[in-house]
C-alpha cells in the first residue's frame, strides 16, 4: 500500500507522557500514529490526503479539543474524532456529541476500548473518502454533459419517459433518445436504471 494511503491516527494531548503512551499503544496494533502537544501544532501538520482519525484531549492550553473539532467542522473537514478527558461532565459530553465526535471517553480508559473506537473511526474515514471519490467522479462526468444533456438527465433520473420529456422540452422523441444515448455513454452506464443509481449515491458527510 502506498504511504499516502496508509491510515494514520493523530493524537493531540498537551501531556507528553500521554502522547507517548498512546503512541506506543496504537503502534502496537500496526497503525501509523502522529502525536502533537497542541491543537495548533496538529493543524499545521495535518495531512488531508491520508485516511485518518483523531484522538484529542478536551482540556488543553490554547485551543481545546472541542474548539478544534468545531473548527474542523467549519472548514468542512470530516475527520472522525474520539475525545478523551480527565474531568468530563454531561454538558461537555453533549457538546462533543453535537460536534459529531465518534466517542467521548473519560480517563483512565481501557486500552482495548480506545483501540476499538479507533478502528471504528478509521472505518468511518474510509467510507467517507470512498463517497468523496464517487462524488468527484460523478461531478467530473457531469461536467462533460451539454446543458441540454444535463436537462434531459434530470428528467431521466426523475423517471420521466422519453415521450414526456419530448413534450416538456418541445423537441422530438427521437432527439430525446439521441441525447439519452450520449448521456449514458458520458456517465459510463448502460441503462437509465444504472444512471439513477449512480446519481443517487450517498454524498460525503
N, C-alpha and C. Protein backbone atom coordinates (compact mmCIF):
# COMPACT_ATOMS: atom_id res chain seq x y z
N UNK A 1 0.83 -1.20 0.00
CA UNK A 1 0.00 0.00 0.00
C UNK A 1 0.86 1.25 0.00
N UNK A 2 0.51 2.22 -0.77
CA UNK A 2 1.25 3.48 -0.84
C UNK A 2 1.22 4.19 0.49
N UNK A 3 2.32 4.88 0.83
CA UNK A 3 2.42 5.58 2.11
C UNK A 3 1.27 6.56 2.30
N UNK A 4 0.89 7.22 1.21
CA UNK A 4 -0.19 8.19 1.31
C UNK A 4 -1.53 7.52 1.58
N UNK A 5 -1.63 6.23 1.31
CA UNK A 5 -2.88 5.53 1.53
C UNK A 5 -2.93 4.83 2.88
N UNK A 6 -1.82 4.82 3.61
CA UNK A 6 -1.78 4.16 4.91
C UNK A 6 -2.55 4.98 5.94
N UNK A 7 -3.53 4.39 6.61
CA UNK A 7 -4.28 5.14 7.63
C UNK A 7 -3.37 5.62 8.75
N UNK A 8 -3.67 6.77 9.29
CA UNK A 8 -2.87 7.31 10.38
C UNK A 8 -3.78 7.81 11.50
N UNK A 9 -3.35 7.62 12.73
CA UNK A 9 -4.09 8.09 13.90
C UNK A 9 -3.35 9.30 14.45
N UNK A 10 -4.04 10.42 14.52
CA UNK A 10 -3.47 11.63 15.12
C UNK A 10 -3.86 11.68 16.60
N UNK A 11 -2.88 11.91 17.44
CA UNK A 11 -3.13 12.04 18.88
C UNK A 11 -2.73 13.45 19.29
N UNK A 12 -3.66 14.18 19.92
CA UNK A 12 -3.37 15.55 20.36
C UNK A 12 -3.65 15.64 21.85
N UNK A 13 -2.60 15.84 22.63
CA UNK A 13 -2.72 15.95 24.09
C UNK A 13 -1.54 16.76 24.58
N UNK A 14 -1.79 17.73 25.46
CA UNK A 14 -0.70 18.57 25.95
C UNK A 14 0.21 17.83 26.93
N UNK A 15 -0.22 16.66 27.39
CA UNK A 15 0.60 15.84 28.29
C UNK A 15 1.47 14.91 27.44
N UNK A 16 2.78 15.18 27.45
CA UNK A 16 3.68 14.39 26.60
C UNK A 16 3.71 12.92 26.97
N UNK A 17 3.54 12.61 28.26
CA UNK A 17 3.56 11.21 28.68
C UNK A 17 2.35 10.46 28.12
N UNK A 18 1.21 11.16 28.04
CA UNK A 18 0.01 10.56 27.44
C UNK A 18 0.25 10.30 25.96
N UNK A 19 0.84 11.28 25.28
CA UNK A 19 1.14 11.11 23.85
C UNK A 19 2.04 9.91 23.61
N UNK A 20 3.06 9.78 24.45
CA UNK A 20 3.99 8.65 24.28
C UNK A 20 3.27 7.32 24.52
N UNK A 21 2.46 7.27 25.57
CA UNK A 21 1.76 6.02 25.90
C UNK A 21 0.78 5.63 24.80
N UNK A 22 0.01 6.60 24.33
CA UNK A 22 -0.96 6.31 23.28
C UNK A 22 -0.26 5.97 21.97
N UNK A 23 0.86 6.64 21.72
CA UNK A 23 1.62 6.34 20.51
C UNK A 23 2.10 4.90 20.50
N UNK A 24 2.62 4.42 21.63
CA UNK A 24 3.09 3.03 21.73
C UNK A 24 1.92 2.05 21.60
N UNK A 25 0.79 2.39 22.23
CA UNK A 25 -0.40 1.53 22.17
C UNK A 25 -0.88 1.36 20.74
N UNK A 26 -0.98 2.46 20.03
CA UNK A 26 -1.52 2.45 18.66
C UNK A 26 -0.55 1.78 17.69
N UNK A 27 0.74 2.08 17.85
CA UNK A 27 1.75 1.42 17.00
C UNK A 27 1.77 -0.08 17.25
N UNK A 28 1.44 -0.47 18.48
CA UNK A 28 1.46 -1.89 18.85
C UNK A 28 0.46 -2.74 18.10
N UNK A 29 -0.57 -2.10 17.52
CA UNK A 29 -1.55 -2.85 16.72
C UNK A 29 -1.35 -2.60 15.22
N UNK A 30 -0.16 -2.07 14.89
CA UNK A 30 0.21 -1.94 13.47
C UNK A 30 -0.31 -0.71 12.76
N UNK A 31 -0.74 0.30 13.51
CA UNK A 31 -1.24 1.52 12.88
C UNK A 31 -0.19 2.62 12.95
N UNK A 32 -0.17 3.49 11.95
CA UNK A 32 0.68 4.67 11.99
C UNK A 32 0.08 5.67 12.97
N UNK A 33 0.94 6.41 13.65
CA UNK A 33 0.46 7.40 14.61
C UNK A 33 1.35 8.63 14.57
N UNK A 34 0.73 9.79 14.78
CA UNK A 34 1.48 11.04 14.85
C UNK A 34 0.93 11.82 16.03
N UNK A 35 1.80 12.26 16.94
CA UNK A 35 1.35 12.93 18.16
C UNK A 35 1.71 14.41 18.15
N UNK A 36 0.82 15.20 18.76
CA UNK A 36 1.03 16.64 18.90
C UNK A 36 0.64 17.07 20.31
N UNK A 37 1.30 18.12 20.79
CA UNK A 37 1.01 18.61 22.14
C UNK A 37 0.06 19.80 22.15
N UNK A 38 -0.43 20.20 20.97
CA UNK A 38 -1.41 21.28 20.92
C UNK A 38 -2.23 21.16 19.65
N UNK A 39 -3.44 21.71 19.72
CA UNK A 39 -4.32 21.70 18.55
C UNK A 39 -3.71 22.49 17.40
N UNK A 40 -3.02 23.58 17.76
CA UNK A 40 -2.41 24.43 16.75
C UNK A 40 -1.32 23.67 15.98
N UNK A 41 -0.50 22.90 16.72
CA UNK A 41 0.56 22.11 16.06
C UNK A 41 -0.06 21.05 15.15
N UNK A 42 -1.17 20.44 15.61
CA UNK A 42 -1.84 19.43 14.79
C UNK A 42 -2.33 20.04 13.48
N UNK A 43 -2.96 21.20 13.55
CA UNK A 43 -3.49 21.84 12.34
C UNK A 43 -2.37 22.13 11.34
N UNK A 44 -1.20 22.45 11.87
CA UNK A 44 -0.06 22.75 10.99
C UNK A 44 0.48 21.49 10.32
N UNK A 45 0.30 20.32 10.97
CA UNK A 45 0.86 19.10 10.43
C UNK A 45 -0.14 18.15 9.80
N UNK A 46 -1.43 18.47 9.90
CA UNK A 46 -2.48 17.57 9.41
C UNK A 46 -2.40 17.39 7.89
N UNK A 47 -2.49 16.14 7.45
CA UNK A 47 -2.46 15.81 6.02
C UNK A 47 -3.85 15.32 5.59
N UNK A 48 -4.61 16.17 4.89
CA UNK A 48 -5.97 15.79 4.49
C UNK A 48 -6.03 14.68 3.45
N UNK A 49 -4.88 14.34 2.84
CA UNK A 49 -4.88 13.34 1.79
C UNK A 49 -4.77 11.91 2.33
N UNK A 50 -4.59 11.76 3.64
CA UNK A 50 -4.46 10.43 4.22
C UNK A 50 -5.73 10.05 4.98
N UNK A 51 -6.11 8.79 4.86
CA UNK A 51 -7.20 8.27 5.68
C UNK A 51 -6.75 8.36 7.12
N UNK A 52 -7.58 8.94 7.99
CA UNK A 52 -7.10 9.18 9.35
C UNK A 52 -8.25 9.36 10.32
N UNK A 53 -7.90 9.36 11.61
CA UNK A 53 -8.83 9.74 12.66
C UNK A 53 -8.05 10.50 13.72
N UNK A 54 -8.78 11.08 14.66
CA UNK A 54 -8.16 11.97 15.65
C UNK A 54 -8.56 11.54 17.05
N UNK A 55 -7.57 11.44 17.93
CA UNK A 55 -7.80 11.24 19.37
C UNK A 55 -7.31 12.51 20.04
N UNK A 56 -8.22 13.24 20.69
CA UNK A 56 -7.85 14.55 21.21
C UNK A 56 -8.36 14.76 22.63
N UNK A 57 -7.51 15.37 23.45
CA UNK A 57 -7.91 15.73 24.81
C UNK A 57 -8.79 16.97 24.76
N UNK A 58 -9.71 17.08 25.71
CA UNK A 58 -10.61 18.23 25.73
C UNK A 58 -9.89 19.46 26.26
N UNK A 59 -9.32 19.33 27.44
CA UNK A 59 -8.75 20.50 28.13
C UNK A 59 -7.27 20.64 27.79
N UNK A 60 -6.97 21.65 26.98
CA UNK A 60 -5.59 21.94 26.62
C UNK A 60 -5.40 23.45 26.60
N UNK A 61 -4.18 23.92 26.89
CA UNK A 61 -3.92 25.36 26.77
C UNK A 61 -4.17 25.80 25.33
N UNK A 62 -4.69 27.01 25.16
CA UNK A 62 -4.99 27.49 23.82
C UNK A 62 -6.28 26.88 23.32
N UNK A 63 -6.26 26.30 22.14
CA UNK A 63 -7.46 25.72 21.55
C UNK A 63 -7.79 24.38 22.21
N UNK A 64 -9.02 24.25 22.72
CA UNK A 64 -9.43 22.99 23.35
C UNK A 64 -9.77 21.95 22.29
N UNK A 65 -9.95 20.71 22.74
CA UNK A 65 -10.31 19.65 21.82
C UNK A 65 -11.63 19.90 21.11
N UNK A 66 -12.62 20.44 21.84
CA UNK A 66 -13.92 20.72 21.22
C UNK A 66 -13.81 21.90 20.27
N UNK A 67 -12.99 22.89 20.63
CA UNK A 67 -12.76 24.02 19.71
C UNK A 67 -12.14 23.52 18.41
N UNK A 68 -11.22 22.58 18.53
CA UNK A 68 -10.58 22.01 17.35
C UNK A 68 -11.60 21.27 16.48
N UNK A 69 -12.45 20.47 17.13
CA UNK A 69 -13.46 19.73 16.37
C UNK A 69 -14.41 20.69 15.66
N UNK A 70 -14.80 21.76 16.34
CA UNK A 70 -15.69 22.74 15.71
C UNK A 70 -15.02 23.45 14.54
N UNK A 71 -13.72 23.73 14.68
CA UNK A 71 -13.00 24.39 13.59
C UNK A 71 -12.91 23.46 12.38
N UNK A 72 -12.66 22.19 12.62
CA UNK A 72 -12.61 21.22 11.52
C UNK A 72 -13.97 21.16 10.82
N UNK A 73 -15.04 21.17 11.61
CA UNK A 73 -16.38 21.15 11.03
C UNK A 73 -16.63 22.38 10.17
N UNK A 74 -16.21 23.55 10.67
CA UNK A 74 -16.41 24.80 9.93
C UNK A 74 -15.66 24.80 8.61
N UNK A 75 -14.52 24.11 8.58
CA UNK A 75 -13.71 24.04 7.37
C UNK A 75 -14.15 22.90 6.44
N UNK A 76 -15.20 22.18 6.85
CA UNK A 76 -15.70 21.08 6.02
C UNK A 76 -14.80 19.86 6.04
N UNK A 77 -13.97 19.73 7.08
CA UNK A 77 -13.07 18.59 7.19
C UNK A 77 -13.75 17.50 8.01
N UNK A 78 -14.03 16.38 7.37
CA UNK A 78 -14.70 15.27 8.05
C UNK A 78 -13.64 14.32 8.60
N UNK A 79 -13.22 14.58 9.84
CA UNK A 79 -12.18 13.78 10.47
C UNK A 79 -12.79 13.09 11.70
N UNK A 80 -13.08 11.79 11.62
CA UNK A 80 -13.67 11.09 12.77
C UNK A 80 -12.82 11.30 14.02
N UNK A 81 -13.47 11.75 15.09
CA UNK A 81 -12.74 12.18 16.27
C UNK A 81 -13.20 11.47 17.53
N UNK A 82 -12.23 11.07 18.35
CA UNK A 82 -12.50 10.49 19.67
C UNK A 82 -11.99 11.49 20.70
N UNK A 83 -12.86 11.97 21.55
CA UNK A 83 -12.49 12.95 22.56
C UNK A 83 -12.24 12.24 23.88
N UNK A 84 -11.12 12.56 24.51
CA UNK A 84 -10.81 11.99 25.82
C UNK A 84 -10.62 13.14 26.81
N UNK A 85 -10.94 12.88 28.06
CA UNK A 85 -10.81 13.94 29.07
C UNK A 85 -10.61 13.34 30.44
N UNK A 86 -9.94 14.09 31.31
CA UNK A 86 -9.72 13.65 32.68
C UNK A 86 -10.86 14.13 33.58
N UNK A 87 -11.49 15.21 33.20
CA UNK A 87 -12.55 15.80 34.02
C UNK A 87 -13.77 16.06 33.14
N UNK A 88 -14.49 15.03 32.81
CA UNK A 88 -15.64 15.18 31.95
C UNK A 88 -16.91 15.46 32.74
N UNK A 89 -17.88 16.03 32.06
CA UNK A 89 -19.20 16.21 32.65
C UNK A 89 -20.24 16.06 31.55
N UNK A 90 -21.50 15.99 31.93
CA UNK A 90 -22.56 15.73 30.96
C UNK A 90 -22.66 16.84 29.91
N UNK A 91 -22.66 18.14 30.30
CA UNK A 91 -22.73 19.19 29.27
C UNK A 91 -21.59 19.10 28.26
N UNK A 92 -20.40 18.77 28.76
CA UNK A 92 -19.25 18.65 27.86
C UNK A 92 -19.45 17.47 26.89
N UNK A 93 -19.96 16.35 27.41
CA UNK A 93 -20.21 15.19 26.56
C UNK A 93 -21.25 15.51 25.50
N UNK A 94 -22.30 16.24 25.91
CA UNK A 94 -23.35 16.63 24.97
C UNK A 94 -22.77 17.52 23.87
N UNK A 95 -21.92 18.48 24.25
CA UNK A 95 -21.28 19.37 23.26
C UNK A 95 -20.43 18.56 22.29
N UNK A 96 -19.73 17.57 22.82
CA UNK A 96 -18.87 16.74 21.97
C UNK A 96 -19.70 15.95 20.97
N UNK A 97 -20.80 15.38 21.44
CA UNK A 97 -21.67 14.60 20.55
C UNK A 97 -22.28 15.50 19.48
N UNK A 98 -22.69 16.71 19.88
CA UNK A 98 -23.25 17.65 18.91
C UNK A 98 -22.22 18.02 17.85
N UNK A 99 -20.95 18.04 18.25
CA UNK A 99 -19.88 18.38 17.30
C UNK A 99 -19.57 17.21 16.37
N UNK A 100 -20.16 16.04 16.65
CA UNK A 100 -20.01 14.91 15.75
C UNK A 100 -18.90 13.94 16.08
N UNK A 101 -18.46 13.91 17.34
CA UNK A 101 -17.37 13.01 17.70
C UNK A 101 -17.86 11.56 17.68
N UNK A 102 -16.91 10.64 17.46
CA UNK A 102 -17.23 9.22 17.43
C UNK A 102 -17.52 8.71 18.83
N UNK A 103 -16.73 9.18 19.80
CA UNK A 103 -16.95 8.76 21.20
C UNK A 103 -16.34 9.80 22.13
N UNK A 104 -16.83 9.79 23.37
CA UNK A 104 -16.35 10.69 24.41
C UNK A 104 -15.93 9.80 25.57
N UNK A 105 -14.63 9.75 25.85
CA UNK A 105 -14.10 8.82 26.84
C UNK A 105 -13.45 9.57 27.99
N UNK A 106 -13.68 9.09 29.21
CA UNK A 106 -13.06 9.67 30.39
C UNK A 106 -11.81 8.88 30.77
N UNK A 107 -10.74 9.60 31.10
CA UNK A 107 -9.52 8.96 31.59
C UNK A 107 -9.72 8.56 33.05
N UNK A 108 -9.17 7.44 33.50
CA UNK A 108 -8.46 6.44 32.68
C UNK A 108 -9.47 5.56 31.94
N UNK A 109 -9.08 5.11 30.77
CA UNK A 109 -9.97 4.26 29.98
C UNK A 109 -9.24 2.97 29.63
N UNK A 110 -10.00 1.94 29.31
CA UNK A 110 -9.40 0.67 28.92
C UNK A 110 -8.79 0.78 27.53
N UNK A 111 -7.58 0.29 27.39
CA UNK A 111 -6.86 0.40 26.12
C UNK A 111 -7.65 -0.21 24.97
N UNK A 112 -8.26 -1.37 25.22
CA UNK A 112 -8.97 -2.07 24.15
C UNK A 112 -10.19 -1.27 23.68
N UNK A 113 -10.85 -0.58 24.61
CA UNK A 113 -12.00 0.24 24.22
C UNK A 113 -11.56 1.37 23.30
N UNK A 114 -10.42 1.98 23.61
CA UNK A 114 -9.91 3.05 22.75
C UNK A 114 -9.54 2.49 21.38
N UNK A 115 -8.87 1.35 21.36
CA UNK A 115 -8.47 0.75 20.08
C UNK A 115 -9.70 0.38 19.24
N UNK A 116 -10.74 -0.12 19.90
CA UNK A 116 -11.99 -0.43 19.18
C UNK A 116 -12.57 0.82 18.55
N UNK A 117 -12.56 1.92 19.32
CA UNK A 117 -13.07 3.19 18.80
C UNK A 117 -12.22 3.70 17.64
N UNK A 118 -10.91 3.52 17.74
CA UNK A 118 -10.01 3.97 16.68
C UNK A 118 -10.29 3.19 15.38
N UNK A 119 -10.46 1.88 15.50
CA UNK A 119 -10.77 1.08 14.30
C UNK A 119 -12.11 1.51 13.70
N UNK A 120 -13.08 1.81 14.56
CA UNK A 120 -14.38 2.27 14.07
C UNK A 120 -14.24 3.62 13.37
N UNK A 121 -13.44 4.50 13.96
CA UNK A 121 -13.24 5.83 13.37
C UNK A 121 -12.54 5.74 12.02
N UNK A 122 -11.56 4.86 11.91
CA UNK A 122 -10.85 4.69 10.63
C UNK A 122 -11.77 4.09 9.57
N UNK A 123 -12.69 3.24 10.00
CA UNK A 123 -13.67 2.68 9.07
C UNK A 123 -14.58 3.79 8.54
N UNK A 124 -15.01 4.67 9.43
CA UNK A 124 -15.84 5.81 9.02
C UNK A 124 -15.08 6.70 8.06
N UNK A 125 -13.79 6.89 8.33
CA UNK A 125 -12.96 7.70 7.45
C UNK A 125 -12.87 7.09 6.06
N UNK A 126 -12.70 5.77 6.00
CA UNK A 126 -12.61 5.08 4.71
C UNK A 126 -13.91 5.22 3.92
N UNK A 127 -15.04 5.08 4.62
CA UNK A 127 -16.35 5.21 3.97
C UNK A 127 -16.56 6.62 3.43
N UNK A 128 -16.16 7.61 4.22
CA UNK A 128 -16.31 9.00 3.80
C UNK A 128 -15.45 9.30 2.58
N UNK A 129 -14.22 8.80 2.59
CA UNK A 129 -13.32 9.03 1.46
C UNK A 129 -13.83 8.35 0.20
N UNK A 130 -14.43 7.17 0.38
CA UNK A 130 -15.00 6.46 -0.77
C UNK A 130 -16.14 7.27 -1.38
N UNK A 131 -17.00 7.84 -0.52
CA UNK A 131 -18.10 8.67 -1.01
C UNK A 131 -17.59 9.92 -1.71
N UNK A 132 -16.51 10.49 -1.17
CA UNK A 132 -15.93 11.68 -1.79
C UNK A 132 -15.38 11.35 -3.17
N UNK A 133 -14.73 10.18 -3.31
CA UNK A 133 -14.18 9.77 -4.60
C UNK A 133 -15.29 9.58 -5.62
N UNK A 134 -16.37 8.91 -5.20
CA UNK A 134 -17.51 8.68 -6.09
C UNK A 134 -18.14 10.00 -6.50
N UNK A 135 -18.32 10.90 -5.52
CA UNK A 135 -18.94 12.20 -5.80
C UNK A 135 -18.09 13.01 -6.78
N UNK A 136 -16.76 12.95 -6.61
CA UNK A 136 -15.87 13.69 -7.51
C UNK A 136 -15.94 13.11 -8.92
N UNK A 137 -16.05 11.78 -9.02
CA UNK A 137 -16.14 11.12 -10.32
C UNK A 137 -17.44 11.51 -11.03
N UNK A 138 -18.55 11.54 -10.27
CA UNK A 138 -19.84 11.94 -10.85
C UNK A 138 -19.78 13.39 -11.32
N UNK A 139 -19.16 14.24 -10.51
CA UNK A 139 -19.05 15.66 -10.87
C UNK A 139 -18.25 15.83 -12.16
N UNK A 140 -17.16 15.08 -12.29
CA UNK A 140 -16.32 15.15 -13.49
C UNK A 140 -17.10 14.70 -14.72
N UNK A 141 -17.80 13.57 -14.60
CA UNK A 141 -18.57 13.05 -15.73
C UNK A 141 -19.69 14.02 -16.11
N UNK A 142 -20.36 14.57 -15.11
CA UNK A 142 -21.47 15.50 -15.38
C UNK A 142 -20.97 16.77 -16.08
N UNK A 143 -19.74 17.18 -15.76
CA UNK A 143 -19.19 18.39 -16.37
C UNK A 143 -19.01 18.25 -17.88
N UNK A 144 -18.98 17.00 -18.36
CA UNK A 144 -18.80 16.76 -19.80
C UNK A 144 -20.13 16.77 -20.56
N UNK A 145 -21.23 16.89 -19.84
CA UNK A 145 -22.54 16.94 -20.48
C UNK A 145 -22.83 18.36 -20.97
N UNK A 146 -23.56 18.45 -22.07
CA UNK A 146 -24.00 19.76 -22.55
C UNK A 146 -25.17 20.22 -21.68
N UNK A 147 -25.49 21.51 -21.70
CA UNK A 147 -26.65 22.00 -20.93
C UNK A 147 -27.93 21.22 -21.25
N UNK A 148 -28.15 20.91 -22.51
CA UNK A 148 -29.35 20.15 -22.89
C UNK A 148 -29.30 18.73 -22.32
N UNK A 149 -28.11 18.10 -22.36
CA UNK A 149 -27.98 16.76 -21.82
C UNK A 149 -28.23 16.74 -20.31
N UNK A 150 -27.75 17.77 -19.62
CA UNK A 150 -28.00 17.85 -18.18
C UNK A 150 -29.49 18.00 -17.90
N UNK A 151 -30.16 18.78 -18.72
CA UNK A 151 -31.59 18.99 -18.58
C UNK A 151 -32.35 17.67 -18.75
N UNK A 152 -31.98 16.94 -19.80
CA UNK A 152 -32.65 15.67 -20.08
C UNK A 152 -32.30 14.64 -19.01
N UNK A 153 -31.05 14.64 -18.54
CA UNK A 153 -30.66 13.69 -17.49
C UNK A 153 -31.50 13.89 -16.23
N UNK A 154 -31.77 15.14 -15.87
CA UNK A 154 -32.60 15.41 -14.70
C UNK A 154 -33.99 14.80 -14.85
N UNK A 155 -34.53 14.88 -16.06
CA UNK A 155 -35.83 14.26 -16.32
C UNK A 155 -35.73 12.73 -16.22
N UNK A 156 -34.65 12.18 -16.77
CA UNK A 156 -34.47 10.73 -16.77
C UNK A 156 -34.38 10.17 -15.35
N UNK A 157 -33.58 10.82 -14.50
CA UNK A 157 -33.42 10.30 -13.13
C UNK A 157 -34.68 10.51 -12.30
N UNK A 158 -35.57 11.39 -12.76
CA UNK A 158 -36.87 11.56 -12.11
C UNK A 158 -37.89 10.55 -12.59
N UNK A 159 -37.46 9.69 -13.54
CA UNK A 159 -38.34 8.65 -14.02
C UNK A 159 -39.26 9.04 -15.16
N UNK A 160 -38.96 10.16 -15.81
CA UNK A 160 -39.82 10.60 -16.92
C UNK A 160 -39.50 9.81 -18.19
N UNK A 161 -40.50 9.29 -18.90
CA UNK A 161 -40.27 8.60 -20.17
C UNK A 161 -39.93 9.59 -21.28
N UNK A 162 -39.33 9.08 -22.35
CA UNK A 162 -38.90 9.92 -23.47
C UNK A 162 -40.05 10.76 -24.03
N UNK A 163 -41.22 10.17 -24.14
CA UNK A 163 -42.38 10.88 -24.69
C UNK A 163 -42.71 12.12 -23.86
N UNK A 164 -42.68 11.98 -22.54
CA UNK A 164 -42.98 13.10 -21.64
C UNK A 164 -41.89 14.16 -21.73
N UNK A 165 -40.63 13.72 -21.76
CA UNK A 165 -39.52 14.67 -21.85
C UNK A 165 -39.61 15.47 -23.15
N UNK A 166 -39.92 14.79 -24.23
CA UNK A 166 -40.05 15.46 -25.52
C UNK A 166 -41.14 16.52 -25.47
N UNK A 167 -42.25 16.21 -24.82
CA UNK A 167 -43.36 17.17 -24.70
C UNK A 167 -42.94 18.36 -23.85
N UNK A 168 -42.29 18.08 -22.71
CA UNK A 168 -41.88 19.14 -21.78
C UNK A 168 -40.89 20.11 -22.43
N UNK A 169 -39.98 19.58 -23.24
CA UNK A 169 -38.93 20.40 -23.85
C UNK A 169 -39.27 20.85 -25.27
N UNK A 170 -40.42 20.41 -25.74
CA UNK A 170 -40.87 20.78 -27.09
C UNK A 170 -39.84 20.35 -28.15
N UNK A 171 -39.40 19.11 -28.03
CA UNK A 171 -38.49 18.53 -29.02
C UNK A 171 -39.04 17.15 -29.39
N UNK A 172 -38.45 16.52 -30.40
CA UNK A 172 -38.95 15.22 -30.82
C UNK A 172 -38.45 14.12 -29.89
N UNK A 173 -39.21 13.02 -29.85
CA UNK A 173 -38.80 11.87 -29.05
C UNK A 173 -37.49 11.31 -29.55
N UNK A 174 -37.29 11.36 -30.87
CA UNK A 174 -36.05 10.86 -31.46
C UNK A 174 -34.86 11.66 -30.94
N UNK A 175 -35.05 12.97 -30.78
CA UNK A 175 -33.97 13.83 -30.24
C UNK A 175 -33.67 13.47 -28.80
N UNK A 176 -34.71 13.21 -28.02
CA UNK A 176 -34.52 12.81 -26.63
C UNK A 176 -33.73 11.51 -26.56
N UNK A 177 -34.11 10.54 -27.37
CA UNK A 177 -33.41 9.25 -27.38
C UNK A 177 -31.95 9.40 -27.81
N UNK A 178 -31.71 10.32 -28.74
CA UNK A 178 -30.34 10.60 -29.20
C UNK A 178 -29.50 11.14 -28.04
N UNK A 179 -30.07 12.11 -27.32
CA UNK A 179 -29.36 12.69 -26.17
C UNK A 179 -29.17 11.65 -25.06
N UNK A 180 -30.19 10.81 -24.86
CA UNK A 180 -30.09 9.80 -23.80
C UNK A 180 -28.92 8.86 -24.05
N UNK A 181 -28.73 8.46 -25.30
CA UNK A 181 -27.61 7.59 -25.64
C UNK A 181 -26.28 8.23 -25.28
N UNK A 182 -26.13 9.51 -25.60
CA UNK A 182 -24.88 10.22 -25.29
C UNK A 182 -24.71 10.42 -23.79
N UNK A 183 -25.81 10.66 -23.09
CA UNK A 183 -25.75 10.83 -21.63
C UNK A 183 -25.24 9.55 -20.97
N UNK A 184 -25.78 8.42 -21.37
CA UNK A 184 -25.37 7.14 -20.79
C UNK A 184 -23.90 6.86 -21.07
N UNK A 185 -23.46 7.18 -22.28
CA UNK A 185 -22.05 6.97 -22.64
C UNK A 185 -21.14 7.85 -21.79
N UNK A 186 -21.48 9.12 -21.69
CA UNK A 186 -20.63 10.05 -20.95
C UNK A 186 -20.61 9.74 -19.45
N UNK A 187 -21.72 9.23 -18.92
CA UNK A 187 -21.78 8.92 -17.49
C UNK A 187 -21.25 7.51 -17.19
N UNK A 188 -20.91 6.76 -18.23
CA UNK A 188 -20.30 5.45 -18.04
C UNK A 188 -21.25 4.39 -17.53
N UNK A 189 -22.52 4.47 -17.93
CA UNK A 189 -23.51 3.48 -17.52
C UNK A 189 -24.20 2.90 -18.75
N UNK A 190 -24.90 1.78 -18.55
CA UNK A 190 -25.54 1.09 -19.67
C UNK A 190 -27.04 1.28 -19.75
N UNK A 191 -27.63 1.83 -18.70
CA UNK A 191 -29.09 1.99 -18.69
C UNK A 191 -29.48 3.16 -17.81
N UNK A 192 -30.73 3.58 -17.95
CA UNK A 192 -31.25 4.66 -17.11
C UNK A 192 -31.29 4.24 -15.65
N UNK A 193 -31.57 2.96 -15.41
CA UNK A 193 -31.58 2.45 -14.02
C UNK A 193 -30.21 2.65 -13.38
N UNK A 194 -29.15 2.29 -14.12
CA UNK A 194 -27.79 2.48 -13.61
C UNK A 194 -27.49 3.97 -13.40
N UNK A 195 -28.02 4.80 -14.28
CA UNK A 195 -27.83 6.25 -14.15
C UNK A 195 -28.47 6.77 -12.87
N UNK A 196 -29.67 6.29 -12.58
CA UNK A 196 -30.35 6.69 -11.35
C UNK A 196 -29.56 6.26 -10.13
N UNK A 197 -29.08 5.01 -10.13
CA UNK A 197 -28.30 4.50 -9.00
C UNK A 197 -27.02 5.31 -8.82
N UNK A 198 -26.38 5.68 -9.93
CA UNK A 198 -25.14 6.45 -9.85
C UNK A 198 -25.36 7.82 -9.25
N UNK A 199 -26.38 8.53 -9.75
CA UNK A 199 -26.60 9.91 -9.30
C UNK A 199 -27.19 9.98 -7.90
N UNK A 200 -27.69 8.87 -7.40
CA UNK A 200 -28.25 8.86 -6.04
C UNK A 200 -27.32 8.21 -5.03
N UNK A 201 -26.04 8.16 -5.36
CA UNK A 201 -25.06 7.66 -4.42
C UNK A 201 -25.06 8.56 -3.18
N UNK A 202 -24.83 7.97 -1.97
CA UNK A 202 -24.73 8.79 -0.77
C UNK A 202 -23.65 9.85 -0.92
N UNK A 203 -23.96 11.07 -0.48
CA UNK A 203 -22.99 12.16 -0.60
C UNK A 203 -22.07 12.21 0.61
N UNK A 204 -20.86 12.80 0.46
CA UNK A 204 -19.94 12.91 1.60
C UNK A 204 -20.58 13.65 2.76
N UNK A 205 -20.28 13.18 3.95
CA UNK A 205 -20.83 13.84 5.14
C UNK A 205 -20.03 15.08 5.47
